[in-house]
Protein backbone atom coordinates (compact mmCIF):
# COMPACT_ATOMS: atom_id res chain seq x y z
CA UNK A 1 12.88 -18.25 -14.05
CA UNK A 2 11.80 -17.92 -10.41
CA UNK A 3 12.17 -15.49 -7.53
CA UNK A 4 15.66 -15.20 -6.05
CA UNK A 5 16.75 -18.08 -3.77
CA UNK A 6 16.65 -15.86 -0.67
CA UNK A 7 13.82 -13.58 -1.81
CA UNK A 8 11.60 -14.42 1.17
CA UNK A 9 14.21 -14.54 3.93
CA UNK A 10 12.64 -11.56 5.75
CA UNK A 11 9.00 -12.63 5.24
CA UNK A 12 9.02 -16.44 4.79
CA UNK A 13 5.24 -16.62 5.28
CA UNK A 14 4.77 -14.90 1.90
CA UNK A 15 6.61 -17.53 -0.12
CA UNK A 16 3.42 -19.31 -1.20
CA UNK A 17 1.17 -16.24 -1.16
CA UNK A 18 2.69 -14.25 -4.01
CA UNK A 19 1.69 -15.19 -7.52
CA UNK A 20 4.65 -16.27 -9.68
CA UNK A 21 5.09 -13.78 -12.54
CA UNK A 22 4.96 -16.46 -15.22
CA UNK A 23 1.37 -17.25 -14.21
CA UNK A 24 0.20 -13.66 -13.75
CA UNK A 25 -2.34 -12.19 -16.17
CA UNK A 26 -0.93 -8.78 -15.22
CA UNK A 27 2.39 -9.50 -16.94
CA UNK A 28 1.29 -7.43 -19.90
CA UNK A 29 2.41 -7.88 -23.48
CA UNK A 30 1.85 -5.93 -26.67
CA UNK A 31 -0.69 -8.60 -27.66
CA UNK A 32 -2.80 -7.55 -24.69
CA UNK A 33 -2.67 -3.93 -25.82
CA UNK A 34 -3.82 -5.01 -29.29
CA UNK A 35 -6.82 -6.79 -27.74
CA UNK A 36 -7.76 -3.72 -25.71
CA UNK A 37 -7.27 -1.41 -28.68
CA UNK A 38 -9.78 -3.53 -30.61
CA UNK A 39 -12.21 -3.45 -27.67
CA UNK A 40 -11.83 0.33 -27.48
CA UNK A 41 -12.60 0.62 -31.20
CA UNK A 42 -15.72 -1.56 -30.96
CA UNK A 43 -17.04 0.15 -27.82
CA UNK A 44 -16.03 3.65 -28.95
CA UNK A 45 -13.92 4.52 -25.93
CA UNK A 46 -12.93 8.20 -25.86
CA UNK A 47 -9.51 9.31 -27.13
CA UNK A 48 -6.68 9.25 -24.61
CA UNK A 49 -7.89 6.19 -22.69
CA UNK A 50 -4.31 4.90 -22.59
CA UNK A 51 -0.79 6.25 -23.01
CA UNK A 52 0.87 5.66 -26.35
CA UNK A 53 3.70 3.13 -26.35
CA UNK A 54 6.11 5.93 -27.25
CA UNK A 55 5.02 8.23 -24.41
CA UNK A 56 5.01 5.40 -21.87
CA UNK A 57 8.50 4.27 -22.80
CA UNK A 58 9.79 7.86 -22.78
CA UNK A 59 8.38 8.26 -19.27
CA UNK A 60 10.09 5.06 -18.10
CA UNK A 61 13.42 6.10 -19.55
CA UNK A 62 13.20 9.54 -17.94
CA UNK A 63 12.20 8.25 -14.49
CA UNK A 64 14.84 5.49 -14.49
CA UNK A 65 17.59 7.59 -16.02
CA UNK A 66 20.96 6.40 -14.63
CA UNK A 67 19.17 3.62 -12.65
CA UNK A 68 18.75 0.88 -15.24
CA UNK A 69 22.06 -0.77 -14.35
CA UNK A 70 21.50 -1.01 -10.59
CA UNK A 71 19.17 -2.81 -8.17
CA UNK A 72 15.73 -1.23 -7.96
CA UNK A 73 13.39 -1.18 -4.94
CA UNK A 74 9.65 -0.91 -5.64
CA UNK A 75 7.02 0.02 -3.04
CA UNK A 76 3.99 -2.31 -3.28
CA UNK A 77 0.77 -1.08 -1.65
CA UNK A 78 -2.06 -2.54 -3.77
CA UNK A 79 -2.24 -5.58 -6.02
CA UNK A 80 1.56 -5.47 -6.38
CA UNK A 81 1.57 -7.01 -2.89
CA UNK A 82 0.25 -10.40 -4.04
CA UNK A 83 0.60 -10.12 -7.80
CA UNK A 84 3.72 -8.10 -8.64
CA UNK A 85 4.01 -9.76 -12.08
CA UNK A 86 7.78 -9.13 -12.02
CA UNK A 87 10.74 -11.08 -10.67
CA UNK A 88 12.58 -9.91 -7.56
CA UNK A 89 15.42 -11.09 -5.33
CA UNK A 90 14.23 -9.67 -1.99
CA UNK A 91 11.02 -8.55 -0.32
CA UNK A 92 10.50 -6.72 2.97
CA UNK A 93 7.76 -5.17 5.06
CA UNK A 94 7.83 -1.43 4.44
CA UNK A 95 6.31 1.84 5.61
CA UNK A 96 5.88 5.05 3.64
CA UNK A 97 5.27 8.25 5.61
CA UNK A 98 3.33 11.13 4.08
CA UNK A 99 1.16 9.04 1.78
CA UNK A 100 -1.92 6.87 2.31
CA UNK A 101 -3.77 4.15 0.41
CA UNK A 102 -7.08 5.52 -0.93
CA UNK A 103 -9.66 4.51 -3.51
CA UNK A 104 -9.43 7.79 -5.38
CA UNK A 105 -8.90 6.77 -9.02
CA UNK A 106 -11.86 6.54 -11.39
CA UNK A 107 -11.97 3.10 -13.02
CA UNK A 108 -13.63 2.75 -16.43
CA UNK A 109 -12.11 -0.55 -17.58
CA UNK A 110 -10.95 -3.80 -16.01
CA UNK A 111 -13.27 -3.68 -12.98
CA UNK A 112 -15.53 -0.91 -14.15
CA UNK A 113 -17.02 0.60 -17.29
CA UNK A 114 -17.71 4.09 -18.62
CA UNK A 115 -21.39 3.62 -17.81
CA UNK A 116 -20.74 2.23 -14.33
CA UNK A 117 -17.26 3.29 -13.18
CA UNK A 118 -15.51 1.71 -10.24
CA UNK A 119 -12.59 2.87 -8.14
CA UNK A 120 -8.95 1.84 -7.94
CA UNK A 121 -6.63 2.17 -4.97
CA UNK A 122 -3.82 4.68 -5.30
CA UNK A 123 -1.43 6.53 -3.03
CA UNK A 124 -2.61 10.02 -2.15
CA UNK A 125 -0.86 12.65 -0.08
CA UNK A 126 -1.12 12.57 3.70
CA UNK A 127 -0.95 9.95 6.43
CA UNK A 128 1.12 6.76 6.19
CA UNK A 129 1.02 3.48 4.32
CA UNK A 130 2.21 0.12 5.63
CA UNK A 131 2.92 -2.38 2.86
CA UNK A 132 5.81 -4.23 1.18
CA UNK A 133 8.86 -3.38 -0.90
CA UNK A 134 10.66 -5.68 -3.28
CA UNK A 135 14.07 -5.46 -4.93
CA UNK A 136 14.56 -6.19 -8.62
CA UNK A 137 18.19 -7.18 -9.32
CA UNK A 138 20.16 -4.95 -11.68
CA UNK A 139 20.35 -7.59 -14.41
CA UNK A 140 16.53 -7.63 -14.69
CA UNK A 141 15.66 -3.98 -14.11
CA UNK A 142 15.36 -2.92 -17.77
CA UNK A 143 13.32 -6.00 -18.73
CA UNK A 144 11.01 -6.04 -15.70
CA UNK A 145 10.32 -2.31 -15.54
CA UNK A 146 9.25 -2.31 -19.18
CA UNK A 147 6.55 -4.81 -18.20
CA UNK A 148 5.75 -2.91 -15.00
CA UNK A 149 5.23 0.33 -16.93
CA UNK A 150 2.82 -1.45 -19.28
CA UNK A 151 0.72 -2.31 -16.24
CA UNK A 152 1.09 0.67 -13.91
CA UNK A 153 1.35 3.42 -16.51
CA UNK A 154 -1.29 1.97 -18.79
CA UNK A 155 -3.44 5.08 -18.63
CA UNK A 156 -0.84 7.50 -17.28
CA UNK A 157 -2.81 8.13 -14.08
CA UNK A 158 0.15 7.62 -11.74
CA UNK A 159 3.32 9.60 -11.16
CA UNK A 160 6.31 7.26 -10.77
CA UNK A 161 8.59 8.84 -8.16
CA UNK A 162 11.36 7.77 -5.81
CA UNK A 163 10.47 8.09 -2.13
CA UNK A 164 12.19 7.26 1.15
CA UNK A 165 10.74 4.09 2.66
CA UNK A 166 11.38 2.55 6.08
CA UNK A 167 11.92 -1.21 6.46
CA UNK A 168 12.99 -3.33 9.48
CA UNK A 169 16.27 -4.01 7.67
CA UNK A 170 17.02 -0.33 7.01
CA UNK A 171 15.80 2.66 5.05
CA UNK A 172 15.61 2.44 1.26
CA UNK A 173 14.67 4.64 -1.68
CA UNK A 174 11.88 2.97 -3.63
CA UNK A 175 10.12 3.55 -6.90
CA UNK A 176 6.52 4.38 -5.99
CA UNK A 177 3.51 4.90 -8.24
CA UNK A 178 1.49 7.70 -6.63
CA UNK A 179 -1.75 9.27 -7.79
CA UNK A 180 -1.33 12.08 -10.31
CA UNK A 181 -3.60 14.74 -8.86
CA UNK A 182 -3.69 16.55 -12.21
CA UNK A 183 -5.05 13.49 -14.00
CA UNK A 184 -8.72 13.50 -14.99
CA UNK A 185 -9.22 10.13 -13.28
CA UNK A 186 -8.42 11.60 -9.86
CA UNK A 187 -11.59 11.83 -7.75
CA UNK A 188 -10.66 13.04 -4.25
CA UNK A 189 -14.02 14.35 -3.09
CA UNK A 190 -16.13 11.17 -3.08
CA UNK A 191 -17.66 10.49 0.31
CA UNK A 192 -17.50 7.08 1.98
CA UNK A 193 -21.03 6.12 0.95
CA UNK A 194 -20.60 7.07 -2.72
CA UNK A 195 -17.20 5.34 -2.95
CA UNK A 196 -18.63 2.19 -1.37
CA UNK A 197 -21.60 2.23 -3.75
CA UNK A 198 -19.32 2.41 -6.76
CA UNK A 199 -17.11 -0.42 -5.56
CA UNK A 200 -20.09 -2.59 -4.62
CA UNK A 201 -21.80 -2.25 -8.00
CA UNK A 202 -19.11 -1.74 -10.66
CA UNK A 203 -17.91 -4.63 -12.81
CA UNK A 204 -15.71 -4.95 -15.88
CA UNK A 205 -13.97 -7.57 -18.00
CA UNK A 206 -11.68 -8.47 -15.07
CA UNK A 207 -14.63 -8.99 -12.73
CA UNK A 208 -16.41 -7.07 -9.95
CA UNK A 209 -14.73 -4.05 -8.42
CA UNK A 210 -15.66 -5.42 -4.98
CA UNK A 211 -13.43 -8.47 -5.53
CA UNK A 212 -10.41 -6.20 -5.80
CA UNK A 213 -11.20 -4.45 -2.51
CA UNK A 214 -11.92 -7.78 -0.85
CA UNK A 215 -8.64 -9.28 -2.08
CA UNK A 216 -6.71 -6.23 -0.88
CA UNK A 217 -8.29 -6.50 2.57
CA UNK A 218 -7.49 -10.23 2.77
CA UNK A 219 -3.85 -9.75 1.84
CA UNK A 220 -3.40 -6.87 4.27
CA UNK A 221 -4.92 -9.06 6.97
CA UNK A 222 -2.44 -11.84 6.15
CA UNK A 223 0.36 -9.33 6.71
CA UNK A 224 -1.16 -8.08 9.94
CA UNK A 225 -1.58 -4.62 8.45
CA UNK A 226 -4.42 -2.39 9.69
CA UNK A 227 -5.80 0.26 7.36
CA UNK A 228 -8.68 1.93 9.19
CA UNK A 229 -9.86 3.88 6.15
CA UNK A 230 -10.05 0.79 3.98
CA UNK A 231 -11.76 -1.19 6.71
CA UNK A 232 -14.54 1.43 6.90
CA UNK A 233 -14.87 1.43 3.12
CA UNK A 234 -15.06 -2.36 3.03
CA UNK A 235 -17.78 -2.49 5.71
CA UNK A 236 -19.84 0.10 3.84
CA UNK A 237 -19.43 -1.73 0.53
CA UNK A 238 -20.55 -4.97 2.19
CA UNK A 239 -23.66 -3.20 3.47
CA UNK A 240 -24.46 -1.88 -0.02
CA UNK A 241 -24.15 -5.37 -1.49
CA UNK A 242 -26.28 -6.88 1.26
CA UNK A 243 -28.99 -4.26 0.74
CA UNK A 244 -29.05 -4.84 -3.02
CA UNK A 245 -29.50 -8.59 -2.52
CA UNK A 246 -32.46 -8.02 -0.21
CA UNK A 247 -34.16 -5.77 -2.72
């Protein structure tokens, strides 16, 4: 299977910059959950570190009620930009008003640990977010969203909602994973220096937290997207890393 024949007609420059789903490590399976469950047992992770399969699937079914047999647009603002891990038939540049990309989610696995937590990008209320949106064809929606929920709703820290998104080809309604402000992983009050320190020093089984920020900045730059808040965070994180090397 591959992306749709005309998937990149609006953004041809992205054709070779988006990781094919069949090669993506983020195309989760139940085997991956079993591995993480064993790691959690050995390292004594606290209860509730992930959603149960039953709760996650119930959430997906509720959110996508009456939508599983029609095309589905998804707003991609973080790693979904270059590594969606699902198949789509169309991709566009997109803008979401009223929400902004922020490193406001506590990260205790993947690119952080419980002893040295990192931060993950999420959508928080306020501002605007320039990014991408892709369309999953109706025939694949049930299959691909099951995999997407395994990835995005792994810990239940997001709220999957449908929001109005602007694209050059017309307005759309897109599934968007926004930060759940009631979730314990939400950390809105970190200052720039503290956030940068976390990102510069945290590391997990997927690698350094800084690599994620750096990759996000590189892909936004490829799209010609400016995110002033992220640029300031990146500069500060670079300074922290440089200072630690000197010492």
